[in-house]
Amino acid sequence: MTQSVTATELAKSFGRWIERAIREPVAILRHGRESAYLISADEYHHLKRLERQALGAEEVPDDVADLIARAEYGR
């Protein structure tokens, strides 16, 4: 379960929340709503690797896009 902290509490106890973020993401709340997440450096780098591996729609070859369209629309 993701922990959450107010921005004010985060500022007061930043070191403690960094330690928690190393173990799991921490939701930062402003005015009772999630405004950001504090994550470990390892998690950040993992997400960046995944981002680089993902293909954008414009990068999908036409034949693959056609197969996807047929599967989605039952053609």
C-alpha atoms as a PDB file:
ATOM      1  CA  MET A   1       0.000   0.000   0.000  1.00  0.00           C
ATOM      2  CA  THR A   2       1.342   3.406  -0.962  1.00  0.00           C
ATOM      3  CA  GLN A   3       2.015   5.781   1.883  1.00  0.00           C
ATOM      4  CA  SER A   4       0.968   9.417   1.618  1.00  0.00           C
ATOM      5  CA  VAL A   5       2.230  12.608   3.233  1.00  0.00           C
ATOM      6  CA  THR A   6       1.192  16.244   3.114  1.00  0.00           C
ATOM      7  CA  ALA A   7       3.592  18.652   1.458  1.00  0.00           C
ATOM      8  CA  THR A   8       4.000  20.435   4.797  1.00  0.00           C
ATOM      9  CA  GLU A   9       4.915  17.231   6.645  1.00  0.00           C
ATOM     10  CA  LEU A  10       7.274  16.247   3.823  1.00  0.00           C
ATOM     11  CA  ALA A  11       9.125  19.536   4.187  1.00  0.00           C
ATOM     12  CA  LYS A  12       9.405  19.079   7.965  1.00  0.00           C
ATOM     13  CA  SER A  13      10.684  15.478   7.817  1.00  0.00           C
ATOM     14  CA  PHE A  14      12.235  15.202   4.371  1.00  0.00           C
ATOM     15  CA  GLY A  15      14.936  12.673   5.335  1.00  0.00           C
ATOM     16  CA  ARG A  16      12.415  10.292   6.871  1.00  0.00           C
ATOM     17  CA  TRP A  17      10.237  10.370   3.759  1.00  0.00           C
ATOM     18  CA  ILE A  18      13.221   9.830   1.462  1.00  0.00           C
ATOM     19  CA  GLU A  19      13.983   6.653   3.407  1.00  0.00           C
ATOM     20  CA  ARG A  20      10.391   5.482   2.957  1.00  0.00           C
ATOM     21  CA  ALA A  21      10.450   6.306  -0.759  1.00  0.00           C
ATOM     22  CA  ILE A  22      13.468   4.029  -1.159  1.00  0.00           C
ATOM     23  CA  ARG A  23      11.221   1.146  -0.056  1.00  0.00           C
ATOM     24  CA  GLU A  24       7.950   2.201  -1.727  1.00  0.00           C
ATOM     25  CA  PRO A  25       6.431   5.189  -3.570  1.00  0.00           C
ATOM     26  CA  VAL A  26       5.112   8.006  -1.389  1.00  0.00           C
ATOM     27  CA  ALA A  27       2.147  10.102  -2.543  1.00  0.00           C
ATOM     28  CA  ILE A  28       2.561  13.802  -1.780  1.00  0.00           C
ATOM     29  CA  LEU A  29      -0.707  15.554  -0.970  1.00  0.00           C
ATOM     30  CA  ARG A  30      -1.557  19.223  -1.437  1.00  0.00           C
ATOM     31  CA  HIS A  31      -4.952  20.368  -0.241  1.00  0.00           C
ATOM     32  CA  GLY A  32      -5.923  16.730   0.310  1.00  0.00           C
ATOM     33  CA  ARG A  33      -5.170  15.641  -3.263  1.00  0.00           C
ATOM     34  CA  GLU A  34      -2.266  13.719  -4.779  1.00  0.00           C
ATOM     35  CA  SER A  35       0.018  16.208  -6.469  1.00  0.00           C
ATOM     36  CA  ALA A  36       3.221  14.197  -6.932  1.00  0.00           C
ATOM     37  CA  TYR A  37       5.015  10.992  -6.014  1.00  0.00           C
ATOM     38  CA  LEU A  38       8.372  10.526  -4.354  1.00  0.00           C
ATOM     39  CA  ILE A  39      10.088   7.397  -5.680  1.00  0.00           C
ATOM     40  CA  SER A  40      13.494   5.793  -5.306  1.00  0.00           C
ATOM     41  CA  ALA A  41      16.234   6.413  -7.839  1.00  0.00           C
ATOM     42  CA  ASP A  42      16.092   2.713  -8.777  1.00  0.00           C
ATOM     43  CA  GLU A  43      12.357   2.943  -9.519  1.00  0.00           C
ATOM     44  CA  TYR A  44      12.858   6.121 -11.542  1.00  0.00           C
ATOM     45  CA  HIS A  45      15.560   4.501 -13.688  1.00  0.00           C
ATOM     46  CA  HIS A  46      13.409   1.383 -14.137  1.00  0.00           C
ATOM     47  CA  LEU A  47      10.508   3.533 -15.385  1.00  0.00           C
ATOM     48  CA  LYS A  48      12.787   5.445 -17.758  1.00  0.00           C
ATOM     49  CA  ARG A  49      14.056   2.143 -19.219  1.00  0.00           C
ATOM     50  CA  LEU A  50      10.467   0.985 -19.745  1.00  0.00           C
ATOM     51  CA  GLU A  51       9.607   4.295 -21.375  1.00  0.00           C
ATOM     52  CA  ARG A  52      12.459   3.905 -23.858  1.00  0.00           C
ATOM     53  CA  GLN A  53      11.370   0.342 -24.660  1.00  0.00           C
ATOM     54  CA  ALA A  54       7.747   1.271 -25.399  1.00  0.00           C
ATOM     55  CA  LEU A  55       6.850   1.991 -29.006  1.00  0.00           C
ATOM     56  CA  GLY A  56       4.874   5.070 -29.874  1.00  0.00           C
ATOM     57  CA  ALA A  57       1.917   4.640 -32.253  1.00  0.00           C
ATOM     58  CA  GLU A  58       3.888   6.313 -35.027  1.00  0.00           C
ATOM     59  CA  GLU A  59       6.676   3.747 -34.594  1.00  0.00           C
ATOM     60  CA  VAL A  60       4.486   0.656 -35.080  1.00  0.00           C
ATOM     61  CA  PRO A  61       4.995  -0.833 -38.570  1.00  0.00           C
ATOM     62  CA  ASP A  62       1.958  -0.528 -40.860  1.00  0.00           C
ATOM     63  CA  ASP A  63       1.422  -4.293 -41.123  1.00  0.00           C
ATOM     64  CA  VAL A  64       1.346  -4.605 -37.328  1.00  0.00           C
ATOM     65  CA  ALA A  65      -1.023  -1.623 -37.035  1.00  0.00           C
ATOM     66  CA  ASP A  66      -3.351  -3.313 -39.567  1.00  0.00           C
ATOM     67  CA  LEU A  67      -3.354  -6.537 -37.533  1.00  0.00           C
ATOM     68  CA  ILE A  68      -4.161  -4.603 -34.371  1.00  0.00           C
ATOM     69  CA  ALA A  69      -6.980  -2.736 -36.093  1.00  0.00           C
ATOM     70  CA  ARG A  70      -8.475  -5.997 -37.391  1.00  0.00           C
ATOM     71  CA  ALA A  71      -8.302  -7.574 -33.934  1.00  0.00           C
ATOM     72  CA  GLU A  72      -9.888  -4.506 -32.299  1.00  0.00           C
ATOM     73  CA  TYR A  73     -12.679  -4.065 -34.819  1.00  0.00           C
ATOM     74  CA  GLY A  74     -13.254  -7.689 -35.849  1.00  0.00           C
ATOM     75  CA  ARG A  75     -12.336  -7.160 -39.489  1.00  0.00           C
END
